[in-house]
N, C-alpha and C. Protein backbone atom coordinates (compact mmCIF):
# COMPACT_ATOMS: atom_id res chain seq x y z
N MET A 1 51.90 112.50 18.84
CA MET A 1 51.71 112.09 17.46
C MET A 1 52.86 111.15 17.07
N LYS A 2 52.51 110.00 16.53
CA LYS A 2 53.50 109.01 16.11
C LYS A 2 53.76 109.15 14.61
N ILE A 3 55.04 109.32 14.27
CA ILE A 3 55.46 109.55 12.90
C ILE A 3 56.35 108.40 12.44
N GLY A 4 56.09 107.89 11.24
CA GLY A 4 56.98 106.92 10.61
C GLY A 4 57.90 107.64 9.63
N ILE A 5 59.12 107.16 9.51
CA ILE A 5 60.08 107.76 8.57
C ILE A 5 60.69 106.61 7.77
N ILE A 6 60.55 106.69 6.44
CA ILE A 6 61.14 105.69 5.56
C ILE A 6 61.88 106.38 4.42
N SER A 7 62.79 105.64 3.79
CA SER A 7 63.57 106.22 2.70
C SER A 7 64.12 105.11 1.82
N ASP A 8 64.47 105.48 0.61
CA ASP A 8 65.26 104.66 -0.29
C ASP A 8 64.68 103.25 -0.50
N SER A 9 63.48 103.21 -1.05
CA SER A 9 62.88 101.91 -1.35
C SER A 9 63.45 101.30 -2.63
N HIS A 10 63.87 102.13 -3.58
CA HIS A 10 64.50 101.67 -4.82
C HIS A 10 63.80 100.46 -5.43
N ASP A 11 62.49 100.55 -5.52
CA ASP A 11 61.66 99.52 -6.18
C ASP A 11 61.63 98.17 -5.47
N ASN A 12 62.09 98.07 -4.24
CA ASN A 12 62.03 96.80 -3.51
C ASN A 12 60.63 96.69 -2.89
N LEU A 13 59.72 96.09 -3.65
CA LEU A 13 58.31 96.02 -3.24
C LEU A 13 58.11 95.12 -2.02
N THR A 14 58.86 94.05 -1.94
CA THR A 14 58.73 93.14 -0.79
C THR A 14 59.02 93.86 0.51
N ASN A 15 60.14 94.57 0.56
CA ASN A 15 60.50 95.29 1.79
C ASN A 15 59.59 96.48 2.04
N LEU A 16 59.13 97.13 0.97
CA LEU A 16 58.23 98.26 1.14
C LEU A 16 56.92 97.80 1.79
N GLU A 17 56.40 96.67 1.32
CA GLU A 17 55.18 96.14 1.92
C GLU A 17 55.41 95.76 3.39
N LYS A 18 56.57 95.19 3.70
CA LYS A 18 56.89 94.86 5.09
C LYS A 18 56.97 96.13 5.94
N ALA A 19 57.55 97.18 5.38
CA ALA A 19 57.64 98.46 6.09
C ALA A 19 56.24 99.00 6.39
N PHE A 20 55.33 98.89 5.43
CA PHE A 20 53.96 99.38 5.65
C PHE A 20 53.25 98.58 6.73
N VAL A 21 53.47 97.28 6.78
CA VAL A 21 52.88 96.46 7.85
C VAL A 21 53.39 96.94 9.21
N ILE A 22 54.70 97.15 9.30
CA ILE A 22 55.28 97.63 10.56
C ILE A 22 54.70 98.98 10.95
N LEU A 23 54.63 99.91 10.01
CA LEU A 23 54.12 101.25 10.31
C LEU A 23 52.64 101.21 10.70
N ASN A 24 51.87 100.36 10.03
CA ASN A 24 50.46 100.20 10.41
C ASN A 24 50.35 99.61 11.81
N ASN A 25 51.17 98.61 12.14
CA ASN A 25 51.16 98.00 13.47
C ASN A 25 51.62 98.98 14.55
N GLN A 26 52.53 99.89 14.19
CA GLN A 26 53.02 100.92 15.12
C GLN A 26 52.01 102.05 15.29
N LYS A 27 50.94 102.01 14.47
CA LYS A 27 49.88 103.03 14.50
C LYS A 27 50.42 104.43 14.16
N ALA A 28 51.28 104.46 13.15
CA ALA A 28 51.80 105.76 12.67
C ALA A 28 50.62 106.59 12.18
N GLU A 29 50.63 107.86 12.57
CA GLU A 29 49.57 108.78 12.15
C GLU A 29 49.95 109.55 10.90
N LEU A 30 51.24 109.55 10.59
CA LEU A 30 51.78 110.22 9.43
C LEU A 30 53.11 109.56 9.10
N VAL A 31 53.41 109.46 7.81
CA VAL A 31 54.70 108.90 7.39
C VAL A 31 55.40 109.93 6.52
N PHE A 32 56.69 110.11 6.78
CA PHE A 32 57.53 110.90 5.89
C PHE A 32 58.35 109.93 5.06
N PHE A 33 58.30 110.13 3.74
CA PHE A 33 59.12 109.34 2.82
C PHE A 33 60.23 110.26 2.32
N CYS A 34 61.49 109.90 2.63
CA CYS A 34 62.64 110.76 2.37
C CYS A 34 63.29 110.52 1.00
N GLY A 35 62.56 110.00 0.05
CA GLY A 35 63.03 109.95 -1.33
C GLY A 35 63.65 108.64 -1.78
N ASP A 36 63.85 108.58 -3.08
CA ASP A 36 64.36 107.44 -3.83
C ASP A 36 63.37 106.27 -3.86
N LEU A 37 62.16 106.63 -4.28
CA LEU A 37 61.15 105.64 -4.62
C LEU A 37 61.64 104.87 -5.84
N SER A 38 62.10 105.60 -6.82
CA SER A 38 62.64 105.18 -8.12
C SER A 38 61.57 105.18 -9.19
N ALA A 39 60.93 104.07 -9.51
CA ALA A 39 59.99 104.01 -10.65
C ALA A 39 58.56 104.39 -10.25
N PRO A 40 57.82 105.02 -11.17
CA PRO A 40 56.46 105.46 -10.86
C PRO A 40 55.50 104.35 -10.42
N PHE A 41 55.65 103.12 -10.93
CA PHE A 41 54.69 102.07 -10.58
C PHE A 41 54.68 101.77 -9.08
N VAL A 42 55.77 102.06 -8.39
CA VAL A 42 55.89 101.74 -6.97
C VAL A 42 54.91 102.55 -6.13
N ILE A 43 54.58 103.75 -6.57
CA ILE A 43 53.72 104.63 -5.76
C ILE A 43 52.35 103.99 -5.51
N GLY A 44 51.88 103.13 -6.40
CA GLY A 44 50.61 102.45 -6.20
C GLY A 44 50.58 101.59 -4.94
N TYR A 45 51.72 101.09 -4.52
CA TYR A 45 51.80 100.26 -3.32
C TYR A 45 51.54 101.06 -2.04
N PHE A 46 51.58 102.39 -2.14
CA PHE A 46 51.32 103.23 -0.97
C PHE A 46 49.85 103.16 -0.54
N LYS A 47 49.01 102.48 -1.29
CA LYS A 47 47.62 102.24 -0.86
C LYS A 47 47.60 101.42 0.43
N LYS A 48 48.67 100.69 0.69
CA LYS A 48 48.70 99.77 1.82
C LYS A 48 49.04 100.45 3.14
N ILE A 49 49.42 101.71 3.10
CA ILE A 49 49.70 102.43 4.35
C ILE A 49 48.41 103.11 4.79
N ARG A 50 48.10 103.05 6.08
CA ARG A 50 46.82 103.54 6.58
C ARG A 50 46.87 104.95 7.14
N CYS A 51 47.77 105.76 6.65
CA CYS A 51 47.85 107.15 7.11
C CYS A 51 48.41 108.00 5.97
N PRO A 52 48.29 109.30 6.07
CA PRO A 52 48.86 110.18 5.04
C PRO A 52 50.37 110.06 4.97
N VAL A 53 50.91 110.36 3.79
CA VAL A 53 52.35 110.33 3.55
C VAL A 53 52.77 111.68 3.00
N LYS A 54 53.82 112.23 3.56
CA LYS A 54 54.44 113.43 3.01
C LYS A 54 55.80 113.00 2.47
N ALA A 55 56.05 113.30 1.21
CA ALA A 55 57.23 112.77 0.54
C ALA A 55 58.09 113.86 -0.07
N VAL A 56 59.36 113.51 -0.28
CA VAL A 56 60.27 114.34 -1.05
C VAL A 56 60.89 113.46 -2.13
N PHE A 57 61.35 114.08 -3.18
CA PHE A 57 62.07 113.36 -4.22
C PHE A 57 63.52 113.20 -3.81
N GLY A 58 64.11 112.08 -4.21
CA GLY A 58 65.53 111.86 -4.00
C GLY A 58 66.27 112.05 -5.30
N ASN A 59 67.48 111.56 -5.37
CA ASN A 59 68.29 111.71 -6.58
C ASN A 59 68.12 110.54 -7.54
N ASN A 60 67.26 109.57 -7.23
CA ASN A 60 67.06 108.43 -8.12
C ASN A 60 65.62 108.25 -8.56
N GLU A 61 64.86 109.33 -8.58
CA GLU A 61 63.50 109.26 -9.10
C GLU A 61 63.60 109.29 -10.62
N GLY A 62 63.18 108.23 -11.27
CA GLY A 62 63.32 108.13 -12.71
C GLY A 62 62.37 109.01 -13.49
N ASP A 63 61.18 109.25 -12.95
CA ASP A 63 60.15 109.95 -13.71
C ASP A 63 59.22 110.67 -12.73
N LYS A 64 59.62 111.84 -12.29
CA LYS A 64 58.85 112.59 -11.30
C LYS A 64 57.44 112.93 -11.78
N VAL A 65 57.32 113.29 -13.04
CA VAL A 65 56.00 113.66 -13.58
C VAL A 65 55.03 112.50 -13.45
N ASN A 66 55.47 111.30 -13.81
CA ASN A 66 54.57 110.15 -13.72
C ASN A 66 54.38 109.64 -12.30
N ILE A 67 55.33 109.88 -11.42
CA ILE A 67 55.09 109.57 -10.00
C ILE A 67 53.93 110.43 -9.50
N LEU A 68 53.97 111.72 -9.79
CA LEU A 68 52.89 112.62 -9.36
C LEU A 68 51.56 112.26 -10.02
N ARG A 69 51.61 111.88 -11.27
CA ARG A 69 50.41 111.45 -11.99
C ARG A 69 49.81 110.20 -11.34
N LYS A 70 50.66 109.25 -10.95
CA LYS A 70 50.19 108.01 -10.30
C LYS A 70 49.58 108.31 -8.93
N VAL A 71 50.13 109.27 -8.21
CA VAL A 71 49.55 109.67 -6.93
C VAL A 71 48.11 110.12 -7.16
N GLU A 72 47.93 110.95 -8.18
CA GLU A 72 46.61 111.50 -8.48
C GLU A 72 45.65 110.42 -8.97
N THR A 73 46.06 109.61 -9.92
CA THR A 73 45.15 108.60 -10.49
C THR A 73 44.82 107.49 -9.49
N ASN A 74 45.71 107.20 -8.55
CA ASN A 74 45.44 106.20 -7.52
C ASN A 74 44.72 106.78 -6.31
N LYS A 75 44.46 108.10 -6.34
CA LYS A 75 43.79 108.80 -5.24
C LYS A 75 44.44 108.48 -3.89
N LEU A 76 45.75 108.61 -3.87
CA LEU A 76 46.53 108.31 -2.68
C LEU A 76 46.63 109.51 -1.76
N GLU A 77 46.80 109.23 -0.47
CA GLU A 77 47.06 110.28 0.50
C GLU A 77 48.56 110.52 0.59
N VAL A 78 49.18 110.75 -0.56
CA VAL A 78 50.61 111.03 -0.65
C VAL A 78 50.75 112.44 -1.21
N VAL A 79 51.48 113.28 -0.49
CA VAL A 79 51.69 114.65 -0.94
C VAL A 79 53.18 114.88 -1.03
N TYR A 80 53.64 115.26 -2.22
CA TYR A 80 55.05 115.62 -2.37
C TYR A 80 55.24 117.07 -1.96
N ALA A 81 56.41 117.37 -1.44
CA ALA A 81 56.73 118.69 -0.92
C ALA A 81 56.58 119.76 -2.00
N PRO A 82 56.23 120.98 -1.57
CA PRO A 82 56.20 122.09 -2.52
C PRO A 82 57.62 122.38 -3.02
N LYS A 83 57.73 123.28 -3.96
CA LYS A 83 59.04 123.70 -4.50
C LYS A 83 59.79 122.52 -5.11
N GLN A 84 59.22 121.94 -6.14
CA GLN A 84 59.81 120.83 -6.89
C GLN A 84 59.93 119.54 -6.09
N GLY A 85 59.23 119.43 -4.99
CA GLY A 85 59.22 118.20 -4.22
C GLY A 85 60.50 117.90 -3.47
N LEU A 86 61.33 118.90 -3.25
CA LEU A 86 62.65 118.64 -2.67
C LEU A 86 62.73 118.69 -1.15
N MET A 87 61.87 119.48 -0.49
CA MET A 87 62.03 119.65 0.96
C MET A 87 60.73 120.05 1.62
N TRP A 88 60.48 119.45 2.76
CA TRP A 88 59.41 119.90 3.64
C TRP A 88 60.03 120.73 4.76
N ASP A 89 59.35 121.81 5.11
CA ASP A 89 59.68 122.64 6.26
C ASP A 89 58.33 122.93 6.90
N LEU A 90 58.03 122.23 7.99
CA LEU A 90 56.70 122.37 8.58
C LEU A 90 56.76 122.24 10.09
N VAL A 91 55.64 122.59 10.72
CA VAL A 91 55.52 122.48 12.17
C VAL A 91 54.41 121.48 12.47
N LEU A 92 54.74 120.49 13.30
CA LEU A 92 53.78 119.51 13.79
C LEU A 92 53.96 119.40 15.30
N ALA A 93 52.86 119.39 16.02
CA ALA A 93 52.92 119.26 17.49
C ALA A 93 53.94 120.24 18.08
N ASN A 94 53.94 121.45 17.56
CA ASN A 94 54.84 122.52 18.02
C ASN A 94 56.32 122.21 17.81
N LYS A 95 56.62 121.32 16.90
CA LYS A 95 58.01 120.97 16.57
C LYS A 95 58.25 121.33 15.11
N ARG A 96 59.35 122.03 14.86
CA ARG A 96 59.70 122.38 13.48
C ARG A 96 60.52 121.25 12.88
N ILE A 97 60.07 120.79 11.70
CA ILE A 97 60.65 119.62 11.05
C ILE A 97 61.07 119.97 9.63
N ALA A 98 62.27 119.51 9.26
CA ALA A 98 62.73 119.59 7.87
C ALA A 98 62.90 118.17 7.36
N VAL A 99 62.47 117.95 6.13
CA VAL A 99 62.63 116.65 5.48
C VAL A 99 63.28 116.89 4.13
N PHE A 100 64.41 116.22 3.90
CA PHE A 100 65.19 116.38 2.68
C PHE A 100 65.84 115.03 2.39
N HIS A 101 66.04 114.69 1.14
CA HIS A 101 66.62 113.38 0.83
C HIS A 101 68.03 113.24 1.40
N GLY A 102 68.83 114.28 1.31
CA GLY A 102 70.18 114.23 1.86
C GLY A 102 71.27 114.07 0.81
N HIS A 103 70.90 114.13 -0.45
CA HIS A 103 71.85 113.89 -1.54
C HIS A 103 72.75 115.07 -1.85
N GLN A 104 72.48 116.21 -1.29
CA GLN A 104 73.37 117.36 -1.44
C GLN A 104 73.88 117.69 -0.04
N GLN A 105 75.12 117.30 0.23
CA GLN A 105 75.67 117.38 1.57
C GLN A 105 75.67 118.80 2.13
N GLU A 106 75.91 119.79 1.27
CA GLU A 106 75.94 121.18 1.74
C GLU A 106 74.58 121.59 2.29
N ILE A 107 73.51 121.19 1.60
CA ILE A 107 72.15 121.53 2.05
C ILE A 107 71.83 120.77 3.34
N THR A 108 72.17 119.50 3.36
CA THR A 108 71.96 118.69 4.56
C THR A 108 72.66 119.31 5.76
N ASP A 109 73.92 119.69 5.58
CA ASP A 109 74.69 120.31 6.67
C ASP A 109 74.04 121.60 7.16
N CYS A 110 73.54 122.40 6.21
CA CYS A 110 72.88 123.65 6.60
C CYS A 110 71.62 123.38 7.42
N LEU A 111 70.82 122.41 7.01
CA LEU A 111 69.60 122.08 7.74
C LEU A 111 69.92 121.59 9.15
N VAL A 112 70.86 120.66 9.23
CA VAL A 112 71.19 120.03 10.51
C VAL A 112 71.86 121.02 11.46
N ASN A 113 72.73 121.87 10.96
CA ASN A 113 73.51 122.78 11.80
C ASN A 113 72.88 124.15 12.03
N SER A 114 71.75 124.43 11.38
CA SER A 114 71.15 125.77 11.45
C SER A 114 70.56 126.09 12.82
N ASN A 115 70.23 125.08 13.59
CA ASN A 115 69.56 125.26 14.88
C ASN A 115 68.14 125.81 14.71
N LEU A 116 67.61 125.74 13.48
CA LEU A 116 66.24 126.19 13.22
C LEU A 116 65.22 125.08 13.46
N TYR A 117 65.67 123.84 13.42
CA TYR A 117 64.75 122.71 13.42
C TYR A 117 64.89 121.88 14.69
N ASP A 118 63.76 121.38 15.14
CA ASP A 118 63.77 120.41 16.22
C ASP A 118 64.18 119.04 15.68
N PHE A 119 63.72 118.74 14.45
CA PHE A 119 64.02 117.47 13.81
C PHE A 119 64.38 117.68 12.35
N VAL A 120 65.38 116.95 11.87
CA VAL A 120 65.70 116.87 10.45
C VAL A 120 65.69 115.39 10.08
N PHE A 121 64.90 115.05 9.04
CA PHE A 121 64.82 113.68 8.55
C PHE A 121 65.47 113.63 7.17
N THR A 122 66.45 112.76 7.01
CA THR A 122 67.08 112.57 5.70
C THR A 122 67.23 111.08 5.42
N GLY A 123 67.57 110.76 4.20
CA GLY A 123 67.85 109.38 3.79
C GLY A 123 69.17 109.36 3.04
N HIS A 124 69.15 108.80 1.86
CA HIS A 124 70.22 108.82 0.87
C HIS A 124 71.38 107.86 1.12
N VAL A 125 71.93 107.80 2.30
CA VAL A 125 73.16 107.04 2.52
C VAL A 125 72.93 105.57 2.88
N HIS A 126 71.67 105.16 3.02
CA HIS A 126 71.31 103.77 3.32
C HIS A 126 71.88 103.29 4.65
N GLU A 127 72.01 104.21 5.57
CA GLU A 127 72.53 103.90 6.91
C GLU A 127 71.65 104.62 7.93
N SER A 128 71.21 103.90 8.95
CA SER A 128 70.34 104.53 9.94
C SER A 128 71.15 105.17 11.07
N TRP A 129 70.61 106.28 11.59
CA TRP A 129 71.20 106.90 12.77
C TRP A 129 70.23 107.87 13.42
N ILE A 130 70.55 108.18 14.66
CA ILE A 130 69.85 109.21 15.44
C ILE A 130 70.98 110.03 16.06
N LYS A 131 71.10 111.30 15.64
CA LYS A 131 72.19 112.14 16.12
C LYS A 131 71.64 113.46 16.64
N LYS A 132 72.16 113.91 17.77
CA LYS A 132 71.80 115.22 18.31
C LYS A 132 72.86 116.21 17.88
N VAL A 133 72.43 117.28 17.19
CA VAL A 133 73.34 118.34 16.74
C VAL A 133 72.74 119.65 17.23
N GLY A 134 73.34 120.21 18.28
CA GLY A 134 72.74 121.41 18.89
C GLY A 134 71.37 121.04 19.42
N LYS A 135 70.35 121.80 19.05
CA LYS A 135 68.99 121.49 19.51
C LYS A 135 68.29 120.51 18.57
N THR A 136 68.92 120.18 17.45
CA THR A 136 68.30 119.38 16.40
C THR A 136 68.57 117.89 16.57
N LEU A 137 67.50 117.10 16.44
CA LEU A 137 67.65 115.66 16.39
C LEU A 137 67.59 115.26 14.92
N TRP A 138 68.70 114.72 14.41
CA TRP A 138 68.84 114.35 13.01
C TRP A 138 68.61 112.84 12.92
N ILE A 139 67.59 112.48 12.15
CA ILE A 139 67.21 111.07 12.04
C ILE A 139 67.33 110.63 10.59
N ASN A 140 68.09 109.57 10.39
CA ASN A 140 68.14 108.89 9.10
C ASN A 140 67.59 107.49 9.36
N PRO A 141 66.48 107.12 8.71
CA PRO A 141 65.86 105.83 8.99
C PRO A 141 66.57 104.65 8.36
N GLY A 142 67.61 104.92 7.58
CA GLY A 142 68.24 103.84 6.82
C GLY A 142 67.49 103.64 5.52
N CYS A 143 67.56 102.45 4.96
CA CYS A 143 66.92 102.22 3.67
C CYS A 143 65.94 101.06 3.75
N VAL A 144 64.88 101.18 2.98
CA VAL A 144 63.92 100.09 2.85
C VAL A 144 64.48 99.00 1.94
N CYS A 145 65.25 99.38 0.93
CA CYS A 145 65.68 98.44 -0.11
C CYS A 145 66.63 97.35 0.37
N GLY A 146 67.47 97.64 1.34
CA GLY A 146 68.36 96.63 1.89
C GLY A 146 69.69 96.45 1.18
N TRP A 147 70.11 97.44 0.43
CA TRP A 147 71.44 97.36 -0.19
C TRP A 147 72.04 98.75 -0.28
N THR A 148 73.33 98.78 -0.46
CA THR A 148 74.01 100.06 -0.57
C THR A 148 75.18 99.94 -1.55
N GLY A 149 75.56 101.02 -2.09
CA GLY A 149 76.75 101.06 -2.95
C GLY A 149 76.55 100.47 -4.34
N LEU A 150 77.47 100.77 -5.21
CA LEU A 150 77.40 100.30 -6.59
C LEU A 150 77.55 98.79 -6.70
N ASP A 151 78.21 98.18 -5.72
CA ASP A 151 78.38 96.74 -5.74
C ASP A 151 77.21 96.02 -5.06
N ALA A 152 76.16 96.76 -4.74
CA ALA A 152 74.94 96.22 -4.15
C ALA A 152 75.21 95.43 -2.87
N GLU A 153 76.12 95.92 -2.06
CA GLU A 153 76.40 95.30 -0.76
C GLU A 153 75.12 95.30 0.07
N LEU A 154 74.81 94.17 0.68
CA LEU A 154 73.60 94.06 1.47
C LEU A 154 73.76 94.75 2.83
N VAL A 155 72.73 95.46 3.23
CA VAL A 155 72.64 96.05 4.56
C VAL A 155 71.27 95.70 5.12
N LYS A 156 71.09 95.88 6.41
CA LYS A 156 69.79 95.61 7.01
C LYS A 156 68.81 96.71 6.62
N SER A 157 67.66 96.31 6.11
CA SER A 157 66.60 97.26 5.81
C SER A 157 66.05 97.80 7.12
N SER A 158 65.71 99.09 7.12
CA SER A 158 65.21 99.68 8.35
C SER A 158 64.31 100.88 8.08
N LEU A 159 63.63 101.29 9.13
CA LEU A 159 62.79 102.49 9.13
C LEU A 159 62.87 103.07 10.53
N ALA A 160 62.28 104.24 10.72
CA ALA A 160 62.28 104.87 12.05
C ALA A 160 60.86 105.26 12.42
N VAL A 161 60.61 105.27 13.71
CA VAL A 161 59.34 105.75 14.25
C VAL A 161 59.69 106.70 15.40
N ILE A 162 59.03 107.85 15.39
CA ILE A 162 59.24 108.83 16.46
C ILE A 162 57.89 109.25 17.03
N ASP A 163 57.85 109.37 18.33
CA ASP A 163 56.69 109.93 19.02
C ASP A 163 57.04 111.40 19.28
N LEU A 164 56.35 112.29 18.61
CA LEU A 164 56.68 113.72 18.74
C LEU A 164 56.44 114.25 20.15
N LYS A 165 55.51 113.64 20.87
CA LYS A 165 55.21 114.08 22.23
C LYS A 165 56.37 113.77 23.18
N THR A 166 56.88 112.55 23.12
CA THR A 166 57.96 112.14 24.03
C THR A 166 59.35 112.32 23.42
N GLU A 167 59.41 112.51 22.11
CA GLU A 167 60.65 112.62 21.33
C GLU A 167 61.47 111.34 21.37
N LYS A 168 60.83 110.23 21.66
CA LYS A 168 61.50 108.93 21.63
C LYS A 168 61.49 108.40 20.20
N VAL A 169 62.67 107.94 19.76
CA VAL A 169 62.84 107.45 18.40
C VAL A 169 63.30 106.00 18.45
N LYS A 170 62.78 105.17 17.56
CA LYS A 170 63.27 103.80 17.43
C LYS A 170 63.60 103.54 15.97
N ILE A 171 64.72 102.88 15.76
CA ILE A 171 65.04 102.32 14.46
C ILE A 171 64.52 100.90 14.49
N ILE A 172 63.73 100.54 13.50
CA ILE A 172 63.14 99.20 13.42
C ILE A 172 63.66 98.53 12.17
N TYR A 173 64.21 97.34 12.35
CA TYR A 173 64.74 96.57 11.22
C TYR A 173 63.63 95.75 10.58
N ILE A 174 63.64 95.74 9.27
CA ILE A 174 62.60 95.07 8.49
C ILE A 174 62.98 93.61 8.29
């Protein structure tokens, strides 16, 4: 099963659309969105992805109620995590996966270091990485928006794709 991982779009529609083209070309069967969509109007652009999306809220969601309302009114295949939309804990292809935005370092550390998960997907820091911690592969896809910090320093926009069968991960720059 091929999984796409994206995070931190922060209303950058141009890069979000480019990310969807890449994920569609990669034939992603499912996409995890690790938070920081930002404004509710952006969720309508998720019509362009050709697979279901499982999402979590980040620390910069301006209006969670209307994001959920837009998902429903646009009849999107986007499902936000249970328990206030903060975290997914699920099993796919016999692999246990946690998805969390990463904005609370103590929670992130617990997920990554618990040895309960085969994979942990986070965002938040606008930096991509693939790190092995014990049995857990911790993947941060970087950011879709292409900037970081209060001074809006530019960084390369990126996403990640993982094949759960082979456990091969690629960071793809947008």
